[in-house]
Amino acid sequence: MKLSDKIRKALPARAGGVRPWHETLPAETRKELEEIKRDWHSGKLTSPKWTLARTISATLKQDEITTIGTWGVVRWLEQV
């Protein structure tokens, strides 16, 4: 067996470590955020990415849901 095949076979299905912030949210919150993300990607929400990310981050902090910062939300928004 080739070395590259061995490495691919040995890789875990999911990397260990800390779960992404959005995976730790309550199901209903995740559902609402995914809807916002879809609306932004489809153009229904026309806010600039960073403005939307700042608003999401601030709202989640204000409601004491999570302390994710703007950059983390931007990275999440960019995931398709």
PDB file of N, CA and C in Angstrom:
ATOM      1  N   MET A   1       0.850  -1.180   0.000  1.00  0.00           N
ATOM      2  CA  MET A   1       0.000   0.000   0.000  1.00  0.00           C
ATOM      3  C   MET A   1       0.893   1.240   0.000  1.00  0.00           C
ATOM      4  N   LYS A   2       0.511   2.231  -0.796  1.00  0.00           N
ATOM      5  CA  LYS A   2       1.284   3.471  -0.871  1.00  0.00           C
ATOM      6  C   LYS A   2       1.174   4.244   0.441  1.00  0.00           C
ATOM      7  N   LEU A   3       2.214   5.002   0.733  1.00  0.00           N
ATOM      8  CA  LEU A   3       2.241   5.807   1.950  1.00  0.00           C
ATOM      9  C   LEU A   3       1.045   6.755   2.004  1.00  0.00           C
ATOM     10  N   SER A   4       0.749   7.424   0.895  1.00  0.00           N
ATOM     11  CA  SER A   4      -0.366   8.376   0.895  1.00  0.00           C
ATOM     12  C   SER A   4      -1.694   7.674   1.174  1.00  0.00           C
ATOM     13  N   ASP A   5      -1.859   6.453   0.697  1.00  0.00           N
ATOM     14  CA  ASP A   5      -3.079   5.686   0.968  1.00  0.00           C
ATOM     15  C   ASP A   5      -3.177   5.332   2.448  1.00  0.00           C
ATOM     16  N   LYS A   6      -2.052   4.963   3.036  1.00  0.00           N
ATOM     17  CA  LYS A   6      -2.033   4.641   4.468  1.00  0.00           C
ATOM     18  C   LYS A   6      -2.433   5.849   5.305  1.00  0.00           C
ATOM     19  N   ILE A   7      -1.902   7.001   4.938  1.00  0.00           N
ATOM     20  CA  ILE A   7      -2.204   8.223   5.686  1.00  0.00           C
ATOM     21  C   ILE A   7      -3.685   8.564   5.559  1.00  0.00           C
ATOM     22  N   ARG A   8      -4.200   8.511   4.343  1.00  0.00           N
ATOM     23  CA  ARG A   8      -5.628   8.809   4.133  1.00  0.00           C
ATOM     24  C   ARG A   8      -6.516   7.855   4.925  1.00  0.00           C
ATOM     25  N   LYS A   9      -6.156   6.584   4.934  1.00  0.00           N
ATOM     26  CA  LYS A   9      -6.935   5.576   5.655  1.00  0.00           C
ATOM     27  C   LYS A   9      -6.866   5.792   7.164  1.00  0.00           C
ATOM     28  N   ALA A  10      -5.743   6.267   7.657  1.00  0.00           N
ATOM     29  CA  ALA A  10      -5.546   6.442   9.092  1.00  0.00           C
ATOM     30  C   ALA A  10      -6.182   7.718   9.640  1.00  0.00           C
ATOM     31  N   LEU A  11      -6.532   8.645   8.761  1.00  0.00           N
ATOM     32  CA  LEU A  11      -7.122   9.895   9.229  1.00  0.00           C
ATOM     33  C   LEU A  11      -8.471   9.649   9.882  1.00  0.00           C
ATOM     34  N   PRO A  12      -8.730  10.290  11.034  1.00  0.00           N
ATOM     35  CA  PRO A  12     -10.045  10.139  11.660  1.00  0.00           C
ATOM     36  C   PRO A  12     -11.110  10.848  10.820  1.00  0.00           C
ATOM     37  N   ALA A  13     -12.342  10.406  10.964  1.00  0.00           N
ATOM     38  CA  ALA A  13     -13.443  11.015  10.219  1.00  0.00           C
ATOM     39  C   ALA A  13     -13.587  12.495  10.575  1.00  0.00           C
ATOM     40  N   ARG A  14     -13.310  12.845  11.805  1.00  0.00           N
ATOM     41  CA  ARG A  14     -13.380  14.225  12.267  1.00  0.00           C
ATOM     42  C   ARG A  14     -12.152  14.492  13.115  1.00  0.00           C
ATOM     43  N   ALA A  15     -11.560  15.636  12.889  1.00  0.00           N
ATOM     44  CA  ALA A  15     -10.390  16.008  13.678  1.00  0.00           C
ATOM     45  C   ALA A  15     -10.812  16.221  15.130  1.00  0.00           C
ATOM     46  N   GLY A  16      -9.921  15.925  16.038  1.00  0.00           N
ATOM     47  CA  GLY A  16     -10.207  16.137  17.444  1.00  0.00           C
ATOM     48  C   GLY A  16     -10.153  17.615  17.791  1.00  0.00           C
ATOM     49  N   GLY A  17     -10.257  17.914  19.038  1.00  0.00           N
ATOM     50  CA  GLY A  17     -10.165  19.294  19.475  1.00  0.00           C
ATOM     51  C   GLY A  17     -11.516  19.896  19.805  1.00  0.00           C
ATOM     52  N   VAL A  18     -11.528  21.185  19.847  1.00  0.00           N
ATOM     53  CA  VAL A  18     -12.712  21.936  20.253  1.00  0.00           C
ATOM     54  C   VAL A  18     -13.721  22.000  19.108  1.00  0.00           C
ATOM     55  N   ARG A  19     -14.984  21.790  19.435  1.00  0.00           N
ATOM     56  CA  ARG A  19     -16.038  21.899  18.424  1.00  0.00           C
ATOM     57  C   ARG A  19     -16.201  23.353  18.012  1.00  0.00           C
ATOM     58  N   PRO A  20     -16.530  23.610  16.759  1.00  0.00           N
ATOM     59  CA  PRO A  20     -16.769  24.985  16.314  1.00  0.00           C
ATOM     60  C   PRO A  20     -17.897  25.620  17.122  1.00  0.00           C
ATOM     61  N   TRP A  21     -17.815  26.930  17.317  1.00  0.00           N
ATOM     62  CA  TRP A  21     -18.780  27.639  18.158  1.00  0.00           C
ATOM     63  C   TRP A  21     -20.224  27.391  17.742  1.00  0.00           C
ATOM     64  N   HIS A  22     -20.471  27.351  16.429  1.00  0.00           N
ATOM     65  CA  HIS A  22     -21.845  27.215  15.954  1.00  0.00           C
ATOM     66  C   HIS A  22     -22.409  25.824  16.212  1.00  0.00           C
ATOM     67  N   GLU A  23     -21.551  24.834  16.415  1.00  0.00           N
ATOM     68  CA  GLU A  23     -22.022  23.491  16.734  1.00  0.00           C
ATOM     69  C   GLU A  23     -22.381  23.340  18.207  1.00  0.00           C
ATOM     70  N   THR A  24     -22.018  24.302  19.026  1.00  0.00           N
ATOM     71  CA  THR A  24     -22.311  24.235  20.455  1.00  0.00           C
ATOM     72  C   THR A  24     -23.607  24.950  20.814  1.00  0.00           C
ATOM     73  N   LEU A  25     -24.216  25.608  19.855  1.00  0.00           N
ATOM     74  CA  LEU A  25     -25.428  26.383  20.117  1.00  0.00           C
ATOM     75  C   LEU A  25     -26.653  25.478  20.245  1.00  0.00           C
ATOM     76  N   PRO A  26     -27.674  25.951  20.956  1.00  0.00           N
ATOM     77  CA  PRO A  26     -28.934  25.200  20.999  1.00  0.00           C
ATOM     78  C   PRO A  26     -29.498  25.043  19.586  1.00  0.00           C
ATOM     79  N   ALA A  27     -30.218  23.968  19.355  1.00  0.00           N
ATOM     80  CA  ALA A  27     -30.725  23.636  18.023  1.00  0.00           C
ATOM     81  C   ALA A  27     -31.539  24.773  17.412  1.00  0.00           C
ATOM     82  N   GLU A  28     -32.408  25.385  18.177  1.00  0.00           N
ATOM     83  CA  GLU A  28     -33.257  26.460  17.647  1.00  0.00           C
ATOM     84  C   GLU A  28     -32.413  27.665  17.230  1.00  0.00           C
ATOM     85  N   THR A  29     -31.412  27.993  18.014  1.00  0.00           N
ATOM     86  CA  THR A  29     -30.523  29.106  17.686  1.00  0.00           C
ATOM     87  C   THR A  29     -29.754  28.802  16.409  1.00  0.00           C
ATOM     88  N   ARG A  30     -29.235  27.590  16.292  1.00  0.00           N
ATOM     89  CA  ARG A  30     -28.518  27.187  15.076  1.00  0.00           C
ATOM     90  C   ARG A  30     -29.416  27.305  13.856  1.00  0.00           C
ATOM     91  N   LYS A  31     -30.657  26.860  14.004  1.00  0.00           N
ATOM     92  CA  LYS A  31     -31.616  26.913  12.903  1.00  0.00           C
ATOM     93  C   LYS A  31     -31.835  28.358  12.449  1.00  0.00           C
ATOM     94  N   GLU A  32     -32.009  29.269  13.402  1.00  0.00           N
ATOM     95  CA  GLU A  32     -32.227  30.682  13.070  1.00  0.00           C
ATOM     96  C   GLU A  32     -30.999  31.290  12.409  1.00  0.00           C
ATOM     97  N   LEU A  33     -29.814  30.974  12.916  1.00  0.00           N
ATOM     98  CA  LEU A  33     -28.596  31.505  12.322  1.00  0.00           C
ATOM     99  C   LEU A  33     -28.370  30.960  10.916  1.00  0.00           C
ATOM    100  N   GLU A  34     -28.665  29.683  10.713  1.00  0.00           N
ATOM    101  CA  GLU A  34     -28.529  29.104   9.369  1.00  0.00           C
ATOM    102  C   GLU A  34     -29.476  29.782   8.390  1.00  0.00           C
ATOM    103  N   GLU A  35     -30.660  30.144   8.861  1.00  0.00           N
ATOM    104  CA  GLU A  35     -31.611  30.860   8.010  1.00  0.00           C
ATOM    105  C   GLU A  35     -31.064  32.238   7.622  1.00  0.00           C
ATOM    106  N   ILE A  36     -30.492  32.931   8.583  1.00  0.00           N
ATOM    107  CA  ILE A  36     -29.878  34.236   8.304  1.00  0.00           C
ATOM    108  C   ILE A  36     -28.738  34.070   7.294  1.00  0.00           C
ATOM    109  N   LYS A  37     -27.926  33.047   7.500  1.00  0.00           N
ATOM    110  CA  LYS A  37     -26.803  32.786   6.599  1.00  0.00           C
ATOM    111  C   LYS A  37     -27.302  32.511   5.178  1.00  0.00           C
ATOM    112  N   ARG A  38     -28.328  31.664   5.050  1.00  0.00           N
ATOM    113  CA  ARG A  38     -28.895  31.376   3.726  1.00  0.00           C
ATOM    114  C   ARG A  38     -29.444  32.649   3.072  1.00  0.00           C
ATOM    115  N   ASP A  39     -30.147  33.458   3.862  1.00  0.00           N
ATOM    116  CA  ASP A  39     -30.703  34.707   3.331  1.00  0.00           C
ATOM    117  C   ASP A  39     -29.595  35.643   2.866  1.00  0.00           C
ATOM    118  N   TRP A  40     -28.490  35.668   3.581  1.00  0.00           N
ATOM    119  CA  TRP A  40     -27.372  36.532   3.185  1.00  0.00           C
ATOM    120  C   TRP A  40     -26.729  36.011   1.899  1.00  0.00           C
ATOM    121  N   HIS A  41     -26.516  34.702   1.833  1.00  0.00           N
ATOM    122  CA  HIS A  41     -25.913  34.118   0.633  1.00  0.00           C
ATOM    123  C   HIS A  41     -26.799  34.300  -0.595  1.00  0.00           C
ATOM    124  N   SER A  42     -28.115  34.243  -0.394  1.00  0.00           N
ATOM    125  CA  SER A  42     -29.033  34.358  -1.537  1.00  0.00           C
ATOM    126  C   SER A  42     -29.299  35.806  -1.934  1.00  0.00           C
ATOM    127  N   GLY A  43     -28.851  36.739  -1.110  1.00  0.00           N
ATOM    128  CA  GLY A  43     -29.059  38.153  -1.426  1.00  0.00           C
ATOM    129  C   GLY A  43     -30.301  38.752  -0.788  1.00  0.00           C
ATOM    130  N   LYS A  44     -31.051  37.951  -0.025  1.00  0.00           N
ATOM    131  CA  LYS A  44     -32.222  38.495   0.669  1.00  0.00           C
ATOM    132  C   LYS A  44     -31.798  39.484   1.747  1.00  0.00           C
ATOM    133  N   LEU A  45     -30.660  39.231   2.365  1.00  0.00           N
ATOM    134  CA  LEU A  45     -30.043  40.187   3.295  1.00  0.00           C
ATOM    135  C   LEU A  45     -28.893  40.841   2.534  1.00  0.00           C
ATOM    136  N   THR A  46     -28.961  42.144   2.407  1.00  0.00           N
ATOM    137  CA  THR A  46     -27.968  42.832   1.575  1.00  0.00           C
ATOM    138  C   THR A  46     -26.884  43.521   2.395  1.00  0.00           C
ATOM    139  N   SER A  47     -26.850  43.266   3.669  1.00  0.00           N
ATOM    140  CA  SER A  47     -25.845  43.867   4.540  1.00  0.00           C
ATOM    141  C   SER A  47     -24.446  43.397   4.144  1.00  0.00           C
ATOM    142  N   PRO A  48     -23.445  44.269   4.254  1.00  0.00           N
ATOM    143  CA  PRO A  48     -22.073  43.810   4.046  1.00  0.00           C
ATOM    144  C   PRO A  48     -21.715  42.711   5.052  1.00  0.00           C
ATOM    145  N   LYS A  49     -20.849  41.819   4.647  1.00  0.00           N
ATOM    146  CA  LYS A  49     -20.468  40.661   5.469  1.00  0.00           C
ATOM    147  C   LYS A  49     -20.024  41.066   6.873  1.00  0.00           C
ATOM    148  N   TRP A  50     -19.129  42.048   6.956  1.00  0.00           N
ATOM    149  CA  TRP A  50     -18.596  42.433   8.266  1.00  0.00           C
ATOM    150  C   TRP A  50     -19.651  43.092   9.143  1.00  0.00           C
ATOM    151  N   THR A  51     -20.561  43.832   8.554  1.00  0.00           N
ATOM    152  CA  THR A  51     -21.650  44.454   9.323  1.00  0.00           C
ATOM    153  C   THR A  51     -22.561  43.374   9.882  1.00  0.00           C
ATOM    154  N   LEU A  52     -22.913  42.412   9.053  1.00  0.00           N
ATOM    155  CA  LEU A  52     -23.747  41.307   9.510  1.00  0.00           C
ATOM    156  C   LEU A  52     -23.042  40.518  10.607  1.00  0.00           C
ATOM    157  N   ALA A  53     -21.773  40.239  10.414  1.00  0.00           N
ATOM    158  CA  ALA A  53     -21.009  39.473  11.399  1.00  0.00           C
ATOM    159  C   ALA A  53     -20.928  40.216  12.735  1.00  0.00           C
ATOM    160  N   ARG A  54     -20.677  41.524  12.690  1.00  0.00           N
ATOM    161  CA  ARG A  54     -20.631  42.316  13.933  1.00  0.00           C
ATOM    162  C   ARG A  54     -21.975  42.281  14.645  1.00  0.00           C
ATOM    163  N   THR A  55     -23.050  42.374  13.882  1.00  0.00           N
ATOM    164  CA  THR A  55     -24.387  42.375  14.462  1.00  0.00           C
ATOM    165  C   THR A  55     -24.724  41.024  15.073  1.00  0.00           C
ATOM    166  N   ILE A  56     -24.405  39.954  14.368  1.00  0.00           N
ATOM    167  CA  ILE A  56     -24.638  38.610  14.910  1.00  0.00           C
ATOM    168  C   ILE A  56     -23.838  38.416  16.186  1.00  0.00           C
ATOM    169  N   SER A  57     -22.555  38.745  16.143  1.00  0.00           N
ATOM    170  CA  SER A  57     -21.691  38.582  17.302  1.00  0.00           C
ATOM    171  C   SER A  57     -22.211  39.373  18.500  1.00  0.00           C
ATOM    172  N   ALA A  58     -22.554  40.623  18.273  1.00  0.00           N
ATOM    173  CA  ALA A  58     -23.037  41.482  19.366  1.00  0.00           C
ATOM    174  C   ALA A  58     -24.345  40.950  19.947  1.00  0.00           C
ATOM    175  N   THR A  59     -25.233  40.481  19.097  1.00  0.00           N
ATOM    176  CA  THR A  59     -26.521  39.970  19.570  1.00  0.00           C
ATOM    177  C   THR A  59     -26.341  38.691  20.376  1.00  0.00           C
ATOM    178  N   LEU A  60     -25.483  37.792  19.896  1.00  0.00           N
ATOM    179  CA  LEU A  60     -25.230  36.555  20.630  1.00  0.00           C
ATOM    180  C   LEU A  60     -24.600  36.840  21.992  1.00  0.00           C
ATOM    181  N   LYS A  61     -23.701  37.825  22.051  1.00  0.00           N
ATOM    182  CA  LYS A  61     -23.088  38.203  23.328  1.00  0.00           C
ATOM    183  C   LYS A  61     -24.113  38.857  24.248  1.00  0.00           C
ATOM    184  N   GLN A  62     -24.901  39.763  23.706  1.00  0.00           N
ATOM    185  CA  GLN A  62     -25.909  40.480  24.499  1.00  0.00           C
ATOM    186  C   GLN A  62     -26.917  39.501  25.109  1.00  0.00           C
ATOM    187  N   ASP A  63     -27.314  38.512  24.341  1.00  0.00           N
ATOM    188  CA  ASP A  63     -28.276  37.521  24.830  1.00  0.00           C
ATOM    189  C   ASP A  63     -27.610  36.393  25.619  1.00  0.00           C
ATOM    190  N   GLU A  64     -26.306  36.516  25.843  1.00  0.00           N
ATOM    191  CA  GLU A  64     -25.510  35.561  26.619  1.00  0.00           C
ATOM    192  C   GLU A  64     -25.618  34.139  26.060  1.00  0.00           C
ATOM    193  N   ILE A  65     -25.596  34.044  24.723  1.00  0.00           N
ATOM    194  CA  ILE A  65     -25.652  32.747  24.053  1.00  0.00           C
ATOM    195  C   ILE A  65     -24.249  32.213  23.842  1.00  0.00           C
ATOM    196  N   THR A  66     -23.348  33.074  23.351  1.00  0.00           N
ATOM    197  CA  THR A  66     -21.951  32.703  23.156  1.00  0.00           C
ATOM    198  C   THR A  66     -21.138  33.985  23.048  1.00  0.00           C
ATOM    199  N   THR A  67     -19.833  33.859  23.190  1.00  0.00           N
ATOM    200  CA  THR A  67     -18.959  35.033  23.143  1.00  0.00           C
ATOM    201  C   THR A  67     -18.154  35.098  21.854  1.00  0.00           C
ATOM    202  N   ILE A  68     -18.667  34.487  20.806  1.00  0.00           N
ATOM    203  CA  ILE A  68     -17.931  34.478  19.538  1.00  0.00           C
ATOM    204  C   ILE A  68     -17.718  35.908  19.040  1.00  0.00           C
ATOM    205  N   GLY A  69     -16.524  36.165  18.513  1.00  0.00           N
ATOM    206  CA  GLY A  69     -16.208  37.489  17.991  1.00  0.00           C
ATOM    207  C   GLY A  69     -16.588  37.623  16.526  1.00  0.00           C
ATOM    208  N   THR A  70     -16.421  38.817  16.022  1.00  0.00           N
ATOM    209  CA  THR A  70     -16.790  39.117  14.640  1.00  0.00           C
ATOM    210  C   THR A  70     -16.046  38.233  13.653  1.00  0.00           C
ATOM    211  N   TRP A  71     -14.755  38.057  13.849  1.00  0.00           N
ATOM    212  CA  TRP A  71     -13.963  37.265  12.916  1.00  0.00           C
ATOM    213  C   TRP A  71     -14.470  35.826  12.824  1.00  0.00           C
ATOM    214  N   GLY A  72     -14.848  35.240  13.957  1.00  0.00           N
ATOM    215  CA  GLY A  72     -15.393  33.888  13.955  1.00  0.00           C
ATOM    216  C   GLY A  72     -16.691  33.796  13.173  1.00  0.00           C
ATOM    217  N   VAL A  73     -17.525  34.820  13.297  1.00  0.00           N
ATOM    218  CA  VAL A  73     -18.789  34.827  12.558  1.00  0.00           C
ATOM    219  C   VAL A  73     -18.514  35.005  11.065  1.00  0.00           C
ATOM    220  N   VAL A  74     -17.548  35.861  10.714  1.00  0.00           N
ATOM    221  CA  VAL A  74     -17.192  36.039   9.310  1.00  0.00           C
ATOM    222  C   VAL A  74     -16.761  34.709   8.702  1.00  0.00           C
ATOM    223  N   ARG A  75     -15.907  33.990   9.384  1.00  0.00           N
ATOM    224  CA  ARG A  75     -15.440  32.697   8.869  1.00  0.00           C
ATOM    225  C   ARG A  75     -16.613  31.738   8.683  1.00  0.00           C
ATOM    226  N   TRP A  76     -17.563  31.738   9.620  1.00  0.00           N
ATOM    227  CA  TRP A  76     -18.747  30.898   9.513  1.00  0.00           C
ATOM    228  C   TRP A  76     -19.610  31.331   8.324  1.00  0.00           C
ATOM    229  N   LEU A  77     -19.789  32.624   8.142  1.00  0.00           N
ATOM    230  CA  LEU A  77     -20.588  33.125   7.024  1.00  0.00           C
ATOM    231  C   LEU A  77     -19.986  32.723   5.671  1.00  0.00           C
ATOM    232  N   GLU A  78     -18.684  32.668   5.602  1.00  0.00           N
ATOM    233  CA  GLU A  78     -18.004  32.336   4.343  1.00  0.00           C
ATOM    234  C   GLU A  78     -18.116  30.857   3.980  1.00  0.00           C
ATOM    235  N   GLN A  79     -18.459  30.022   4.937  1.00  0.00           N
ATOM    236  CA  GLN A  79     -18.624  28.593   4.664  1.00  0.00           C
ATOM    237  C   GLN A  79     -19.940  28.389   3.917  1.00  0.00           C
ATOM    238  N   VAL A  80     -19.858  27.658   2.830  1.00  0.00           N
ATOM    239  CA  VAL A  80     -21.072  27.416   2.039  1.00  0.00           C
ATOM    240  C   VAL A  80     -21.646  26.067   2.364  1.00  0.00           C
TER     241      VAL A  80
END
